[in-house]
Amino acid sequence: METYGMNLAQALFETLKKYGLETVEKATASGIPVIIQAFEQEALVEFAKYSDLPLIYLMYWERAGGPSYDFDQIATFAHGVGPNKEWIVHYPGTSEDPVDLVSYSPFIREMHARGLAVHPYTL
């Protein structure tokens, strides 16, 4: 994926490599956990060509008919999803249900069933 004639995935990889953080093994050994997050599928797929670092597909949802996502397809390239906090407490279609802050939400159960971690980005 190129932006302004530049492969941003490769540029990110080269920057991480400069500091010895380009793989899970190296980042772990340095004591600096690295997770790559993006709203763009193409960016994550491209970065996966360079590194084994965990990839989180960021999402957004607006109550008034926001985007829909193919979670099975996301599971083919990402290690997890990064939903807005609303997806955890009021998953689409369940906003009228009482909030249960103890149990996993239907969204979290659905993602875990697909082998995806849930890594919220807005709290």
N, C-alpha and C. Protein backbone atom coordinates (compact mmCIF):
# COMPACT_ATOMS: atom_id res chain seq x y z
N MET A 1 0.85 -1.17 0.00
CA MET A 1 0.00 0.00 0.00
C MET A 1 0.90 1.23 0.00
N GLU A 2 0.66 2.10 -0.95
CA GLU A 2 1.47 3.30 -1.04
C GLU A 2 0.63 4.55 -0.79
N THR A 3 1.23 5.46 -0.05
CA THR A 3 0.64 6.76 0.20
C THR A 3 1.70 7.79 -0.14
N TYR A 4 1.33 8.72 -0.99
CA TYR A 4 2.28 9.74 -1.44
C TYR A 4 3.53 9.09 -2.04
N GLY A 5 3.34 7.97 -2.75
CA GLY A 5 4.46 7.29 -3.40
C GLY A 5 5.38 6.56 -2.44
N MET A 6 4.92 6.33 -1.22
CA MET A 6 5.76 5.71 -0.21
C MET A 6 5.04 4.49 0.37
N ASN A 7 5.75 3.39 0.54
CA ASN A 7 5.19 2.21 1.17
C ASN A 7 5.26 2.41 2.68
N LEU A 8 4.14 2.78 3.29
CA LEU A 8 4.13 3.11 4.71
C LEU A 8 4.40 1.88 5.59
N ALA A 9 3.95 0.71 5.16
CA ALA A 9 4.20 -0.50 5.94
C ALA A 9 5.71 -0.77 6.00
N GLN A 10 6.37 -0.64 4.87
CA GLN A 10 7.81 -0.85 4.83
C GLN A 10 8.54 0.23 5.64
N ALA A 11 8.07 1.46 5.53
CA ALA A 11 8.69 2.55 6.30
C ALA A 11 8.56 2.31 7.80
N LEU A 12 7.38 1.86 8.23
CA LEU A 12 7.19 1.54 9.65
C LEU A 12 8.10 0.41 10.07
N PHE A 13 8.17 -0.64 9.25
CA PHE A 13 9.04 -1.76 9.56
C PHE A 13 10.50 -1.30 9.69
N GLU A 14 10.96 -0.50 8.75
CA GLU A 14 12.35 -0.02 8.79
C GLU A 14 12.61 0.82 10.04
N THR A 15 11.64 1.62 10.45
CA THR A 15 11.80 2.42 11.67
C THR A 15 11.89 1.51 12.90
N LEU A 16 11.00 0.53 12.97
CA LEU A 16 11.05 -0.41 14.09
C LEU A 16 12.36 -1.19 14.09
N LYS A 17 12.82 -1.58 12.91
CA LYS A 17 14.08 -2.31 12.79
C LYS A 17 15.25 -1.48 13.28
N LYS A 18 15.24 -0.21 12.99
CA LYS A 18 16.30 0.70 13.42
C LYS A 18 16.48 0.66 14.95
N TYR A 19 15.37 0.43 15.66
CA TYR A 19 15.40 0.40 17.12
C TYR A 19 15.32 -1.02 17.68
N GLY A 20 15.44 -2.02 16.80
CA GLY A 20 15.43 -3.40 17.25
C GLY A 20 14.09 -3.88 17.76
N LEU A 21 13.01 -3.40 17.18
CA LEU A 21 11.65 -3.74 17.63
C LEU A 21 10.81 -4.36 16.52
N GLU A 22 11.43 -4.88 15.48
CA GLU A 22 10.69 -5.29 14.29
C GLU A 22 10.03 -6.66 14.36
N THR A 23 10.29 -7.44 15.38
CA THR A 23 9.65 -8.75 15.53
C THR A 23 9.14 -8.91 16.96
N VAL A 24 8.26 -9.88 17.16
CA VAL A 24 7.76 -10.15 18.51
C VAL A 24 8.94 -10.50 19.42
N GLU A 25 9.84 -11.35 18.94
CA GLU A 25 10.98 -11.76 19.75
C GLU A 25 11.84 -10.57 20.18
N LYS A 26 12.17 -9.70 19.25
CA LYS A 26 13.02 -8.55 19.57
C LYS A 26 12.30 -7.53 20.45
N ALA A 27 11.04 -7.27 20.17
CA ALA A 27 10.29 -6.32 20.99
C ALA A 27 10.14 -6.85 22.42
N THR A 28 9.87 -8.14 22.55
CA THR A 28 9.73 -8.75 23.87
C THR A 28 11.05 -8.69 24.63
N ALA A 29 12.14 -9.01 23.95
CA ALA A 29 13.45 -8.98 24.59
C ALA A 29 13.82 -7.57 25.06
N SER A 30 13.34 -6.57 24.34
CA SER A 30 13.66 -5.18 24.71
C SER A 30 12.76 -4.67 25.84
N GLY A 31 11.70 -5.42 26.12
CA GLY A 31 10.76 -4.98 27.15
C GLY A 31 9.77 -3.94 26.66
N ILE A 32 9.67 -3.79 25.34
CA ILE A 32 8.76 -2.81 24.76
C ILE A 32 7.75 -3.56 23.88
N PRO A 33 6.57 -3.84 24.40
CA PRO A 33 5.59 -4.54 23.57
C PRO A 33 5.12 -3.64 22.42
N VAL A 34 5.06 -4.20 21.23
CA VAL A 34 4.65 -3.43 20.06
C VAL A 34 3.44 -4.12 19.43
N ILE A 35 2.40 -3.34 19.20
CA ILE A 35 1.20 -3.80 18.53
C ILE A 35 0.92 -2.81 17.40
N ILE A 36 0.70 -3.33 16.21
CA ILE A 36 0.43 -2.48 15.05
C ILE A 36 -1.09 -2.37 14.90
N GLN A 37 -1.59 -1.14 14.88
CA GLN A 37 -3.02 -0.89 14.75
C GLN A 37 -3.28 0.00 13.54
N ALA A 38 -4.36 -0.32 12.82
CA ALA A 38 -4.73 0.51 11.68
C ALA A 38 -6.22 0.35 11.39
N PHE A 39 -6.80 1.39 10.82
CA PHE A 39 -8.18 1.33 10.36
C PHE A 39 -8.26 0.72 8.95
N GLU A 40 -7.14 0.59 8.28
CA GLU A 40 -7.12 0.12 6.89
C GLU A 40 -6.59 -1.30 6.80
N GLN A 41 -7.42 -2.17 6.27
CA GLN A 41 -7.05 -3.57 6.10
C GLN A 41 -5.79 -3.70 5.27
N GLU A 42 -5.71 -2.97 4.18
CA GLU A 42 -4.57 -3.08 3.27
C GLU A 42 -3.26 -2.78 3.98
N ALA A 43 -3.27 -1.82 4.89
CA ALA A 43 -2.06 -1.47 5.62
C ALA A 43 -1.60 -2.63 6.50
N LEU A 44 -2.54 -3.29 7.15
CA LEU A 44 -2.18 -4.42 8.01
C LEU A 44 -1.69 -5.60 7.19
N VAL A 45 -2.36 -5.90 6.10
CA VAL A 45 -1.95 -7.01 5.24
C VAL A 45 -0.55 -6.76 4.69
N GLU A 46 -0.28 -5.54 4.30
CA GLU A 46 1.05 -5.19 3.78
C GLU A 46 2.11 -5.31 4.88
N PHE A 47 1.81 -4.81 6.08
CA PHE A 47 2.80 -4.88 7.16
C PHE A 47 3.11 -6.34 7.52
N ALA A 48 2.14 -7.22 7.42
CA ALA A 48 2.35 -8.64 7.75
C ALA A 48 3.40 -9.29 6.85
N LYS A 49 3.67 -8.70 5.70
CA LYS A 49 4.71 -9.21 4.81
C LYS A 49 6.11 -8.98 5.39
N TYR A 50 6.21 -8.04 6.32
CA TYR A 50 7.51 -7.65 6.87
C TYR A 50 7.77 -8.17 8.28
N SER A 51 6.72 -8.42 9.04
CA SER A 51 6.90 -8.68 10.46
C SER A 51 5.83 -9.61 11.01
N ASP A 52 6.16 -10.21 12.15
CA ASP A 52 5.19 -11.06 12.85
C ASP A 52 4.54 -10.34 14.03
N LEU A 53 4.73 -9.03 14.13
CA LEU A 53 4.13 -8.27 15.22
C LEU A 53 2.60 -8.38 15.16
N PRO A 54 1.93 -8.35 16.31
CA PRO A 54 0.47 -8.47 16.32
C PRO A 54 -0.21 -7.32 15.58
N LEU A 55 -1.25 -7.66 14.84
CA LEU A 55 -1.99 -6.69 14.03
C LEU A 55 -3.41 -6.55 14.58
N ILE A 56 -3.80 -5.32 14.85
CA ILE A 56 -5.13 -5.02 15.36
C ILE A 56 -5.86 -4.16 14.34
N TYR A 57 -7.01 -4.66 13.89
CA TYR A 57 -7.83 -3.93 12.94
C TYR A 57 -8.78 -3.03 13.72
N LEU A 58 -8.56 -1.73 13.63
CA LEU A 58 -9.38 -0.76 14.34
C LEU A 58 -10.72 -0.57 13.62
N MET A 59 -11.77 -0.38 14.41
CA MET A 59 -13.11 -0.22 13.86
C MET A 59 -13.81 0.96 14.49
N TYR A 60 -14.82 1.41 13.82
CA TYR A 60 -15.67 2.43 14.43
C TYR A 60 -17.12 2.04 14.18
N TRP A 61 -17.96 2.56 15.00
CA TRP A 61 -19.38 2.24 14.91
C TRP A 61 -20.16 3.45 15.38
N GLU A 62 -21.11 3.84 14.59
CA GLU A 62 -22.03 4.89 14.99
C GLU A 62 -23.40 4.24 15.06
N ARG A 63 -24.15 4.60 16.07
CA ARG A 63 -25.45 3.96 16.27
C ARG A 63 -26.35 4.05 15.05
N ALA A 64 -26.23 5.10 14.28
CA ALA A 64 -27.12 5.30 13.13
C ALA A 64 -26.54 4.63 11.88
N GLY A 65 -26.45 3.31 11.90
CA GLY A 65 -26.06 2.56 10.71
C GLY A 65 -24.63 2.74 10.27
N GLY A 66 -23.69 2.55 11.17
CA GLY A 66 -22.28 2.62 10.83
C GLY A 66 -21.89 1.47 9.90
N PRO A 67 -20.61 1.32 9.65
CA PRO A 67 -20.16 0.29 8.72
C PRO A 67 -20.41 -1.12 9.26
N SER A 68 -20.48 -2.07 8.34
CA SER A 68 -20.55 -3.46 8.76
C SER A 68 -19.20 -4.10 8.47
N TYR A 69 -18.86 -5.12 9.22
CA TYR A 69 -17.56 -5.76 9.09
C TYR A 69 -17.73 -7.25 8.87
N ASP A 70 -16.84 -7.83 8.08
CA ASP A 70 -16.81 -9.27 7.86
C ASP A 70 -15.75 -9.84 8.81
N PHE A 71 -16.20 -10.27 9.97
CA PHE A 71 -15.27 -10.71 11.01
C PHE A 71 -14.52 -11.98 10.62
N ASP A 72 -15.15 -12.85 9.85
CA ASP A 72 -14.43 -14.05 9.39
C ASP A 72 -13.27 -13.65 8.49
N GLN A 73 -13.48 -12.66 7.65
CA GLN A 73 -12.43 -12.19 6.76
C GLN A 73 -11.34 -11.48 7.56
N ILE A 74 -11.72 -10.69 8.55
CA ILE A 74 -10.74 -10.00 9.39
C ILE A 74 -9.84 -11.01 10.09
N ALA A 75 -10.42 -12.14 10.51
CA ALA A 75 -9.64 -13.18 11.20
C ALA A 75 -8.56 -13.79 10.31
N THR A 76 -8.64 -13.57 9.00
CA THR A 76 -7.63 -14.13 8.10
C THR A 76 -6.34 -13.31 8.08
N PHE A 77 -6.39 -12.06 8.53
CA PHE A 77 -5.18 -11.22 8.47
C PHE A 77 -4.83 -10.54 9.80
N ALA A 78 -5.75 -10.45 10.73
CA ALA A 78 -5.48 -9.73 11.98
C ALA A 78 -5.44 -10.68 13.17
N HIS A 79 -4.74 -10.25 14.20
CA HIS A 79 -4.69 -11.00 15.46
C HIS A 79 -5.83 -10.59 16.37
N GLY A 80 -6.35 -9.40 16.11
CA GLY A 80 -7.43 -8.90 16.95
C GLY A 80 -8.11 -7.71 16.32
N VAL A 81 -9.14 -7.25 17.01
CA VAL A 81 -9.89 -6.09 16.57
C VAL A 81 -9.82 -5.01 17.65
N GLY A 82 -9.88 -3.78 17.22
CA GLY A 82 -9.86 -2.65 18.13
C GLY A 82 -11.15 -1.88 18.02
N PRO A 83 -12.16 -2.31 18.75
CA PRO A 83 -13.45 -1.61 18.66
C PRO A 83 -13.48 -0.38 19.57
N ASN A 84 -14.38 0.51 19.25
CA ASN A 84 -14.72 1.60 20.15
C ASN A 84 -15.37 0.96 21.38
N LYS A 85 -15.28 1.60 22.51
CA LYS A 85 -15.83 1.04 23.75
C LYS A 85 -17.32 0.71 23.64
N GLU A 86 -18.03 1.43 22.77
CA GLU A 86 -19.45 1.16 22.58
C GLU A 86 -19.70 -0.28 22.13
N TRP A 87 -18.79 -0.85 21.36
CA TRP A 87 -18.96 -2.21 20.87
C TRP A 87 -18.87 -3.23 22.00
N ILE A 88 -18.22 -2.85 23.07
CA ILE A 88 -18.06 -3.79 24.17
C ILE A 88 -19.25 -3.74 25.11
N VAL A 89 -19.76 -2.55 25.36
CA VAL A 89 -20.87 -2.40 26.29
C VAL A 89 -22.21 -2.48 25.56
N HIS A 90 -22.33 -1.81 24.42
CA HIS A 90 -23.58 -1.78 23.65
C HIS A 90 -23.31 -2.24 22.23
N TYR A 91 -23.11 -3.51 22.06
CA TYR A 91 -22.88 -4.07 20.73
C TYR A 91 -24.10 -3.79 19.85
N PRO A 92 -23.90 -3.47 18.56
CA PRO A 92 -25.04 -3.17 17.69
C PRO A 92 -26.14 -4.23 17.81
N GLY A 93 -27.34 -3.76 18.01
CA GLY A 93 -28.48 -4.65 18.15
C GLY A 93 -28.78 -5.00 19.59
N THR A 94 -27.88 -4.63 20.52
CA THR A 94 -28.11 -4.97 21.92
C THR A 94 -28.12 -3.73 22.80
N SER A 95 -28.19 -2.54 22.20
CA SER A 95 -28.08 -1.31 22.97
C SER A 95 -29.21 -1.13 23.99
N GLU A 96 -30.30 -1.84 23.82
CA GLU A 96 -31.41 -1.73 24.78
C GLU A 96 -31.25 -2.71 25.94
N ASP A 97 -30.33 -3.67 25.79
CA ASP A 97 -30.11 -4.65 26.86
C ASP A 97 -29.47 -3.97 28.05
N PRO A 98 -29.71 -4.48 29.25
CA PRO A 98 -29.04 -3.91 30.41
C PRO A 98 -27.52 -4.10 30.30
N VAL A 99 -26.78 -3.15 30.79
CA VAL A 99 -25.32 -3.22 30.73
C VAL A 99 -24.84 -4.17 31.82
N ASP A 100 -24.02 -5.13 31.42
CA ASP A 100 -23.43 -6.10 32.34
C ASP A 100 -21.92 -5.90 32.26
N LEU A 101 -21.33 -5.31 33.29
CA LEU A 101 -19.90 -5.03 33.28
C LEU A 101 -19.07 -6.17 33.84
N VAL A 102 -19.70 -7.29 34.14
CA VAL A 102 -18.99 -8.44 34.70
C VAL A 102 -18.75 -9.51 33.63
N SER A 103 -19.75 -9.80 32.83
CA SER A 103 -19.65 -10.86 31.82
C SER A 103 -19.09 -10.29 30.53
N TYR A 104 -18.55 -11.18 29.70
CA TYR A 104 -18.14 -10.77 28.36
C TYR A 104 -19.39 -10.38 27.57
N SER A 105 -19.27 -9.34 26.75
CA SER A 105 -20.38 -8.93 25.89
C SER A 105 -20.52 -9.92 24.74
N PRO A 106 -21.67 -9.89 24.07
CA PRO A 106 -21.81 -10.75 22.88
C PRO A 106 -20.71 -10.49 21.85
N PHE A 107 -20.29 -9.25 21.70
CA PHE A 107 -19.23 -8.92 20.75
C PHE A 107 -17.92 -9.62 21.12
N ILE A 108 -17.53 -9.55 22.38
CA ILE A 108 -16.29 -10.19 22.81
C ILE A 108 -16.37 -11.70 22.61
N ARG A 109 -17.48 -12.30 22.98
CA ARG A 109 -17.64 -13.75 22.78
C ARG A 109 -17.54 -14.09 21.29
N GLU A 110 -18.16 -13.28 20.45
CA GLU A 110 -18.12 -13.52 19.01
C GLU A 110 -16.69 -13.42 18.47
N MET A 111 -15.94 -12.44 18.92
CA MET A 111 -14.56 -12.28 18.44
C MET A 111 -13.68 -13.42 18.95
N HIS A 112 -13.81 -13.77 20.21
CA HIS A 112 -13.01 -14.87 20.76
C HIS A 112 -13.31 -16.18 20.04
N ALA A 113 -14.56 -16.40 19.65
CA ALA A 113 -14.92 -17.61 18.91
C ALA A 113 -14.20 -17.68 17.57
N ARG A 114 -13.83 -16.52 17.04
CA ARG A 114 -13.10 -16.46 15.77
C ARG A 114 -11.59 -16.43 15.99
N GLY A 115 -11.15 -16.49 17.24
CA GLY A 115 -9.73 -16.46 17.54
C GLY A 115 -9.13 -15.07 17.54
N LEU A 116 -9.98 -14.05 17.61
CA LEU A 116 -9.51 -12.67 17.60
C LEU A 116 -9.48 -12.09 19.01
N ALA A 117 -8.39 -11.41 19.33
CA ALA A 117 -8.30 -10.67 20.58
C ALA A 117 -9.14 -9.41 20.45
N VAL A 118 -9.55 -8.85 21.57
CA VAL A 118 -10.30 -7.60 21.57
C VAL A 118 -9.44 -6.57 22.30
N HIS A 119 -9.09 -5.51 21.59
CA HIS A 119 -8.13 -4.51 22.07
C HIS A 119 -8.75 -3.13 21.87
N PRO A 120 -9.64 -2.69 22.78
CA PRO A 120 -10.33 -1.40 22.59
C PRO A 120 -9.35 -0.24 22.50
N TYR A 121 -9.72 0.75 21.72
CA TYR A 121 -8.82 1.90 21.56
C TYR A 121 -9.39 3.20 22.11
N THR A 122 -10.60 3.26 22.52
CA THR A 122 -11.16 4.52 23.04
C THR A 122 -11.84 4.28 24.36
N LEU A 123 -11.21 4.65 25.44
CA LEU A 123 -11.80 4.49 26.77
C LEU A 123 -11.77 5.79 27.51
